Amino acid sequence: IFEKIISGMYLGDVRRVLCKMAEEADFFGDVVPPKLKTPFVLRTPEMSAMHHDTSPDLRVVGSKLKDIFGVWFVCS
């Protein structure tokens, strides 16, 4: 299933899961980022870069979340 996620088949589902987490668990703070509700905003290259981030502070993931969704805060 991972290959299908990276190929793009389920990227919309990943975005929808992030949106649901943002709505129900304040995953990105009090406000759901508007770009998170935009279809096709999450692309394979960004998803792949986040998957390959091995830095202890997940610097690439944070950078991609900022660039794609305008997210500046992720609860820990």
PDB file of N, CA and C in Angstrom:
ATOM      1  N   ILE A   1       0.829  -1.198   0.000  1.00  0.00           N
ATOM      2  CA  ILE A   1       0.000   0.000   0.000  1.00  0.00           C
ATOM      3  C   ILE A   1       0.871   1.258   0.000  1.00  0.00           C
ATOM      4  N   PHE A   2       2.068   1.198   0.593  1.00  0.00           N
ATOM      5  CA  PHE A   2       2.941   2.372   0.621  1.00  0.00           C
ATOM      6  C   PHE A   2       3.271   2.838  -0.791  1.00  0.00           C
ATOM      7  N   GLU A   3       3.538   1.870  -1.704  1.00  0.00           N
ATOM      8  CA  GLU A   3       3.862   2.246  -3.081  1.00  0.00           C
ATOM      9  C   GLU A   3       2.712   3.011  -3.723  1.00  0.00           C
ATOM     10  N   LYS A   4       1.480   2.625  -3.421  1.00  0.00           N
ATOM     11  CA  LYS A   4       0.325   3.318  -3.985  1.00  0.00           C
ATOM     12  C   LYS A   4       0.179   4.707  -3.373  1.00  0.00           C
ATOM     13  N   ILE A   5       0.532   4.838  -2.099  1.00  0.00           N
ATOM     14  CA  ILE A   5       0.467   6.159  -1.463  1.00  0.00           C
ATOM     15  C   ILE A   5       1.468   7.095  -2.136  1.00  0.00           C
ATOM     16  N   ILE A   6       2.686   6.627  -2.319  1.00  0.00           N
ATOM     17  CA  ILE A   6       3.719   7.458  -2.918  1.00  0.00           C
ATOM     18  C   ILE A   6       3.435   7.703  -4.396  1.00  0.00           C
ATOM     19  N   SER A   7       2.811   6.755  -5.076  1.00  0.00           N
ATOM     20  CA  SER A   7       2.526   6.953  -6.501  1.00  0.00           C
ATOM     21  C   SER A   7       1.453   8.011  -6.714  1.00  0.00           C
ATOM     22  N   GLY A   8       0.749   8.362  -5.686  1.00  0.00           N
ATOM     23  CA  GLY A   8      -0.256   9.412  -5.803  1.00  0.00           C
ATOM     24  C   GLY A   8      -1.680   8.921  -5.692  1.00  0.00           C
ATOM     25  N   MET A   9      -1.880   7.616  -5.676  1.00  0.00           N
ATOM     26  CA  MET A   9      -3.237   7.076  -5.665  1.00  0.00           C
ATOM     27  C   MET A   9      -4.019   7.482  -4.420  1.00  0.00           C
ATOM     28  N   TYR A  10      -3.350   7.596  -3.278  1.00  0.00           N
ATOM     29  CA  TYR A  10      -4.047   7.880  -2.028  1.00  0.00           C
ATOM     30  C   TYR A  10      -3.660   9.219  -1.403  1.00  0.00           C
ATOM     31  N   LEU A  11      -3.028  10.102  -2.135  1.00  0.00           N
ATOM     32  CA  LEU A  11      -2.600  11.372  -1.555  1.00  0.00           C
ATOM     33  C   LEU A  11      -3.778  12.203  -1.075  1.00  0.00           C
ATOM     34  N   GLY A  12      -4.890  12.138  -1.783  1.00  0.00           N
ATOM     35  CA  GLY A  12      -6.092  12.844  -1.334  1.00  0.00           C
ATOM     36  C   GLY A  12      -6.571  12.320  -0.001  1.00  0.00           C
ATOM     37  N   ASP A  13      -6.447  10.998   0.196  1.00  0.00           N
ATOM     38  CA  ASP A  13      -6.840  10.409   1.469  1.00  0.00           C
ATOM     39  C   ASP A  13      -5.935  10.884   2.597  1.00  0.00           C
ATOM     40  N   VAL A  14      -4.644  11.008   2.334  1.00  0.00           N
ATOM     41  CA  VAL A  14      -3.707  11.508   3.346  1.00  0.00           C
ATOM     42  C   VAL A  14      -4.085  12.933   3.735  1.00  0.00           C
ATOM     43  N   ARG A  15      -4.378  13.749   2.748  1.00  0.00           N
ATOM     44  CA  ARG A  15      -4.782  15.134   3.012  1.00  0.00           C
ATOM     45  C   ARG A  15      -6.074  15.169   3.816  1.00  0.00           C
ATOM     46  N   ARG A  16      -7.026  14.313   3.482  1.00  0.00           N
ATOM     47  CA  ARG A  16      -8.299  14.299   4.218  1.00  0.00           C
ATOM     48  C   ARG A  16      -8.108  13.832   5.656  1.00  0.00           C
ATOM     49  N   VAL A  17      -7.207  12.888   5.880  1.00  0.00           N
ATOM     50  CA  VAL A  17      -6.913  12.438   7.246  1.00  0.00           C
ATOM     51  C   VAL A  17      -6.292  13.583   8.044  1.00  0.00           C
ATOM     52  N   LEU A  18      -5.351  14.300   7.441  1.00  0.00           N
ATOM     53  CA  LEU A  18      -4.762  15.463   8.116  1.00  0.00           C
ATOM     54  C   LEU A  18      -5.825  16.503   8.435  1.00  0.00           C
ATOM     55  N   CYS A  19      -6.753  16.707   7.515  1.00  0.00           N
ATOM     56  CA  CYS A  19      -7.833  17.674   7.726  1.00  0.00           C
ATOM     57  C   CYS A  19      -8.719  17.235   8.891  1.00  0.00           C
ATOM     58  N   LYS A  20      -9.049  15.954   8.940  1.00  0.00           N
ATOM     59  CA  LYS A  20      -9.886  15.429  10.022  1.00  0.00           C
ATOM     60  C   LYS A  20      -9.169  15.576  11.369  1.00  0.00           C
ATOM     61  N   MET A  21      -7.866  15.281  11.380  1.00  0.00           N
ATOM     62  CA  MET A  21      -7.088  15.442  12.612  1.00  0.00           C
ATOM     63  C   MET A  21      -7.071  16.905  13.042  1.00  0.00           C
ATOM     64  N   ALA A  22      -6.952  17.800  12.078  1.00  0.00           N
ATOM     65  CA  ALA A  22      -6.937  19.232  12.391  1.00  0.00           C
ATOM     66  C   ALA A  22      -8.273  19.677  12.960  1.00  0.00           C
ATOM     67  N   GLU A  23      -9.368  19.146  12.435  1.00  0.00           N
ATOM     68  CA  GLU A  23     -10.704  19.533  12.897  1.00  0.00           C
ATOM     69  C   GLU A  23     -11.040  18.954  14.268  1.00  0.00           C
ATOM     70  N   GLU A  24     -10.693  17.688  14.483  1.00  0.00           N
ATOM     71  CA  GLU A  24     -11.141  16.993  15.694  1.00  0.00           C
ATOM     72  C   GLU A  24     -10.155  17.047  16.851  1.00  0.00           C
ATOM     73  N   ALA A  25      -8.876  17.177  16.559  1.00  0.00           N
ATOM     74  CA  ALA A  25      -7.880  17.089  17.630  1.00  0.00           C
ATOM     75  C   ALA A  25      -6.992  18.321  17.722  1.00  0.00           C
ATOM     76  N   ASP A  26      -7.362  19.397  17.025  1.00  0.00           N
ATOM     77  CA  ASP A  26      -6.543  20.613  17.039  1.00  0.00           C
ATOM     78  C   ASP A  26      -5.082  20.298  16.743  1.00  0.00           C
ATOM     79  N   PHE A  27      -4.876  19.411  15.792  1.00  0.00           N
ATOM     80  CA  PHE A  27      -3.536  18.945  15.439  1.00  0.00           C
ATOM     81  C   PHE A  27      -2.618  20.083  15.008  1.00  0.00           C
ATOM     82  N   PHE A  28      -3.169  21.097  14.364  1.00  0.00           N
ATOM     83  CA  PHE A  28      -2.386  22.249  13.916  1.00  0.00           C
ATOM     84  C   PHE A  28      -2.749  23.507  14.689  1.00  0.00           C
ATOM     85  N   GLY A  29      -3.226  23.360  15.903  1.00  0.00           N
ATOM     86  CA  GLY A  29      -3.642  24.509  16.701  1.00  0.00           C
ATOM     87  C   GLY A  29      -5.147  24.698  16.621  1.00  0.00           C
ATOM     88  N   ASP A  30      -5.597  25.901  16.915  1.00  0.00           N
ATOM     89  CA  ASP A  30      -7.034  26.182  16.981  1.00  0.00           C
ATOM     90  C   ASP A  30      -7.714  26.300  15.622  1.00  0.00           C
ATOM     91  N   VAL A  31      -6.949  26.592  14.584  1.00  0.00           N
ATOM     92  CA  VAL A  31      -7.535  26.866  13.274  1.00  0.00           C
ATOM     93  C   VAL A  31      -7.093  25.812  12.264  1.00  0.00           C
ATOM     94  N   VAL A  32      -8.044  25.316  11.474  1.00  0.00           N
ATOM     95  CA  VAL A  32      -7.716  24.387  10.399  1.00  0.00           C
ATOM     96  C   VAL A  32      -7.162  25.212   9.234  1.00  0.00           C
ATOM     97  N   PRO A  33      -5.950  24.912   8.794  1.00  0.00           N
ATOM     98  CA  PRO A  33      -5.385  25.677   7.684  1.00  0.00           C
ATOM     99  C   PRO A  33      -6.273  25.569   6.439  1.00  0.00           C
ATOM    100  N   PRO A  34      -6.661  26.682   5.838  1.00  0.00           N
ATOM    101  CA  PRO A  34      -7.557  26.648   4.676  1.00  0.00           C
ATOM    102  C   PRO A  34      -7.018  25.815   3.516  1.00  0.00           C
ATOM    103  N   LYS A  35      -5.706  25.847   3.299  1.00  0.00           N
ATOM    104  CA  LYS A  35      -5.126  25.077   2.194  1.00  0.00           C
ATOM    105  C   LYS A  35      -5.281  23.576   2.400  1.00  0.00           C
ATOM    106  N   LEU A  36      -5.495  23.162   3.643  1.00  0.00           N
ATOM    107  CA  LEU A  36      -5.667  21.746   3.941  1.00  0.00           C
ATOM    108  C   LEU A  36      -6.948  21.208   3.317  1.00  0.00           C
ATOM    109  N   LYS A  37      -7.870  22.071   3.002  1.00  0.00           N
ATOM    110  CA  LYS A  37      -9.137  21.660   2.395  1.00  0.00           C
ATOM    111  C   LYS A  37      -9.105  21.733   0.867  1.00  0.00           C
ATOM    112  N   THR A  38      -7.959  22.081   0.303  1.00  0.00           N
ATOM    113  CA  THR A  38      -7.820  22.205  -1.144  1.00  0.00           C
ATOM    114  C   THR A  38      -7.438  20.864  -1.763  1.00  0.00           C
ATOM    115  N   PRO A  39      -8.289  20.317  -2.633  1.00  0.00           N
ATOM    116  CA  PRO A  39      -7.950  19.049  -3.295  1.00  0.00           C
ATOM    117  C   PRO A  39      -6.675  19.174  -4.134  1.00  0.00           C
ATOM    118  N   PHE A  40      -5.928  18.104  -4.207  1.00  0.00           N
ATOM    119  CA  PHE A  40      -4.732  17.980  -5.041  1.00  0.00           C
ATOM    120  C   PHE A  40      -3.576  18.889  -4.620  1.00  0.00           C
ATOM    121  N   VAL A  41      -3.629  19.439  -3.413  1.00  0.00           N
ATOM    122  CA  VAL A  41      -2.545  20.312  -2.956  1.00  0.00           C
ATOM    123  C   VAL A  41      -1.332  19.498  -2.486  1.00  0.00           C
ATOM    124  N   LEU A  42      -1.550  18.270  -2.062  1.00  0.00           N
ATOM    125  CA  LEU A  42      -0.459  17.411  -1.589  1.00  0.00           C
ATOM    126  C   LEU A  42       0.027  16.561  -2.760  1.00  0.00           C
ATOM    127  N   ARG A  43       1.265  16.808  -3.178  1.00  0.00           N
ATOM    128  CA  ARG A  43       1.807  16.121  -4.340  1.00  0.00           C
ATOM    129  C   ARG A  43       2.841  15.083  -3.928  1.00  0.00           C
ATOM    130  N   THR A  44       3.103  14.154  -4.841  1.00  0.00           N
ATOM    131  CA  THR A  44       4.021  13.056  -4.578  1.00  0.00           C
ATOM    132  C   THR A  44       5.425  13.514  -4.172  1.00  0.00           C
ATOM    133  N   PRO A  45       6.042  14.496  -4.836  1.00  0.00           N
ATOM    134  CA  PRO A  45       7.401  14.886  -4.415  1.00  0.00           C
ATOM    135  C   PRO A  45       7.474  15.366  -2.962  1.00  0.00           C
ATOM    136  N   GLU A  46       6.468  16.121  -2.532  1.00  0.00           N
ATOM    137  CA  GLU A  46       6.460  16.595  -1.146  1.00  0.00           C
ATOM    138  C   GLU A  46       6.262  15.436  -0.173  1.00  0.00           C
ATOM    139  N   MET A  47       5.357  14.538  -0.515  1.00  0.00           N
ATOM    140  CA  MET A  47       5.098  13.372   0.329  1.00  0.00           C
ATOM    141  C   MET A  47       6.360  12.516   0.452  1.00  0.00           C
ATOM    142  N   SER A  48       7.047  12.318  -0.652  1.00  0.00           N
ATOM    143  CA  SER A  48       8.276  11.534  -0.653  1.00  0.00           C
ATOM    144  C   SER A  48       9.351  12.207   0.195  1.00  0.00           C
ATOM    145  N   ALA A  49       9.484  13.517   0.066  1.00  0.00           N
ATOM    146  CA  ALA A  49      10.481  14.245   0.868  1.00  0.00           C
ATOM    147  C   ALA A  49      10.187  14.100   2.354  1.00  0.00           C
ATOM    148  N   MET A  50       8.921  14.201   2.737  1.00  0.00           N
ATOM    149  CA  MET A  50       8.558  14.050   4.154  1.00  0.00           C
ATOM    150  C   MET A  50       8.841  12.641   4.636  1.00  0.00           C
ATOM    151  N   HIS A  51       8.563  11.654   3.796  1.00  0.00           N
ATOM    152  CA  HIS A  51       8.810  10.261   4.171  1.00  0.00           C
ATOM    153  C   HIS A  51      10.299   9.999   4.403  1.00  0.00           C
ATOM    154  N   HIS A  52      11.146  10.618   3.619  1.00  0.00           N
ATOM    155  CA  HIS A  52      12.582  10.377   3.715  1.00  0.00           C
ATOM    156  C   HIS A  52      13.290  11.267   4.739  1.00  0.00           C
ATOM    157  N   ASP A  53      12.565  12.079   5.454  1.00  0.00           N
ATOM    158  CA  ASP A  53      13.165  12.951   6.469  1.00  0.00           C
ATOM    159  C   ASP A  53      13.581  12.118   7.674  1.00  0.00           C
ATOM    160  N   THR A  54      14.873  12.031   7.890  1.00  0.00           N
ATOM    161  CA  THR A  54      15.387  11.257   9.028  1.00  0.00           C
ATOM    162  C   THR A  54      15.983  12.156  10.110  1.00  0.00           C
ATOM    163  N   SER A  55      15.835  13.457   9.956  1.00  0.00           N
ATOM    164  CA  SER A  55      16.389  14.372  10.956  1.00  0.00           C
ATOM    165  C   SER A  55      15.642  14.216  12.280  1.00  0.00           C
ATOM    166  N   PRO A  56      16.331  14.382  13.402  1.00  0.00           N
ATOM    167  CA  PRO A  56      15.690  14.199  14.708  1.00  0.00           C
ATOM    168  C   PRO A  56      14.508  15.141  14.947  1.00  0.00           C
ATOM    169  N   ASP A  57      14.569  16.336  14.371  1.00  0.00           N
ATOM    170  CA  ASP A  57      13.484  17.296  14.589  1.00  0.00           C
ATOM    171  C   ASP A  57      12.499  17.360  13.418  1.00  0.00           C
ATOM    172  N   LEU A  58      12.643  16.416  12.465  1.00  0.00           N
ATOM    173  CA  LEU A  58      11.764  16.356  11.283  1.00  0.00           C
ATOM    174  C   LEU A  58      11.683  17.712  10.584  1.00  0.00           C
ATOM    175  N   ARG A  59      12.829  18.281  10.377  1.00  0.00           N
ATOM    176  CA  ARG A  59      12.950  19.607   9.758  1.00  0.00           C
ATOM    177  C   ARG A  59      12.293  19.681   8.380  1.00  0.00           C
ATOM    178  N   VAL A  60      12.485  18.650   7.551  1.00  0.00           N
ATOM    179  CA  VAL A  60      11.899  18.649   6.205  1.00  0.00           C
ATOM    180  C   VAL A  60      10.379  18.581   6.292  1.00  0.00           C
ATOM    181  N   VAL A  61       9.865  17.755   7.188  1.00  0.00           N
ATOM    182  CA  VAL A  61       8.407  17.654   7.363  1.00  0.00           C
ATOM    183  C   VAL A  61       7.844  19.011   7.760  1.00  0.00           C
ATOM    184  N   GLY A  62       8.466  19.654   8.727  1.00  0.00           N
ATOM    185  CA  GLY A  62       8.006  20.975   9.158  1.00  0.00           C
ATOM    186  C   GLY A  62       8.044  21.989   8.036  1.00  0.00           C
ATOM    187  N   SER A  63       9.114  21.956   7.262  1.00  0.00           N
ATOM    188  CA  SER A  63       9.253  22.884   6.143  1.00  0.00           C
ATOM    189  C   SER A  63       8.172  22.652   5.094  1.00  0.00           C
ATOM    190  N   LYS A  64       7.903  21.396   4.785  1.00  0.00           N
ATOM    191  CA  LYS A  64       6.873  21.072   3.787  1.00  0.00           C
ATOM    192  C   LYS A  64       5.486  21.461   4.292  1.00  0.00           C
ATOM    193  N   LEU A  65       5.200  21.230   5.567  1.00  0.00           N
ATOM    194  CA  LEU A  65       3.896  21.623   6.117  1.00  0.00           C
ATOM    195  C   LEU A  65       3.711  23.132   6.031  1.00  0.00           C
ATOM    196  N   LYS A  66       4.789  23.874   6.274  1.00  0.00           N
ATOM    197  CA  LYS A  66       4.721  25.336   6.159  1.00  0.00           C
ATOM    198  C   LYS A  66       4.496  25.755   4.712  1.00  0.00           C
ATOM    199  N   ASP A  67       5.277  25.150   3.807  1.00  0.00           N
ATOM    200  CA  ASP A  67       5.196  25.524   2.392  1.00  0.00           C
ATOM    201  C   ASP A  67       3.852  25.158   1.763  1.00  0.00           C
ATOM    202  N   ILE A  68       3.366  23.961   2.032  1.00  0.00           N
ATOM    203  CA  ILE A  68       2.159  23.465   1.360  1.00  0.00           C
ATOM    204  C   ILE A  68       0.890  24.004   2.006  1.00  0.00           C
ATOM    205  N   PHE A  69       0.804  23.890   3.332  1.00  0.00           N
ATOM    206  CA  PHE A  69      -0.445  24.192   4.028  1.00  0.00           C
ATOM    207  C   PHE A  69      -0.417  25.500   4.809  1.00  0.00           C
ATOM    208  N   GLY A  70       0.747  26.119   4.906  1.00  0.00           N
ATOM    209  CA  GLY A  70       0.841  27.339   5.695  1.00  0.00           C
ATOM    210  C   GLY A  70       0.779  27.067   7.188  1.00  0.00           C
ATOM    211  N   VAL A  71       1.158  25.862   7.583  1.00  0.00           N
ATOM    212  CA  VAL A  71       1.115  25.455   8.990  1.00  0.00           C
ATOM    213  C   VAL A  71       2.389  25.910   9.687  1.00  0.00           C
ATOM    214  N   TRP A  72       2.244  26.613  10.800  1.00  0.00           N
ATOM    215  CA  TRP A  72       3.390  27.080  11.576  1.00  0.00           C
ATOM    216  C   TRP A  72       3.482  26.400  12.931  1.00  0.00           C
ATOM    217  N   PHE A  73       2.438  25.658  13.310  1.00  0.00           N
ATOM    218  CA  PHE A  73       2.411  25.030  14.631  1.00  0.00           C
ATOM    219  C   PHE A  73       1.837  23.631  14.497  1.00  0.00           C
ATOM    220  N   VAL A  74       2.539  22.664  15.048  1.00  0.00           N
ATOM    221  CA  VAL A  74       2.029  21.295  15.116  1.00  0.00           C
ATOM    222  C   VAL A  74       2.118  20.882  16.566  1.00  0.00           C
ATOM    223  N   CYS A  75       0.995  20.431  17.139  1.00  0.00           N
ATOM    224  CA  CYS A  75       1.028  20.033  18.548  1.00  0.00           C
ATOM    225  C   CYS A  75       1.873  18.789  18.695  1.00  0.00           C
ATOM    226  N   SER A  76       2.494  18.638  19.833  1.00  0.00           N
ATOM    227  CA  SER A  76       3.363  17.490  20.056  1.00  0.00           C
ATOM    228  C   SER A  76       2.767  16.564  21.078  1.00  0.00           C
TER     229      SER A  76
END
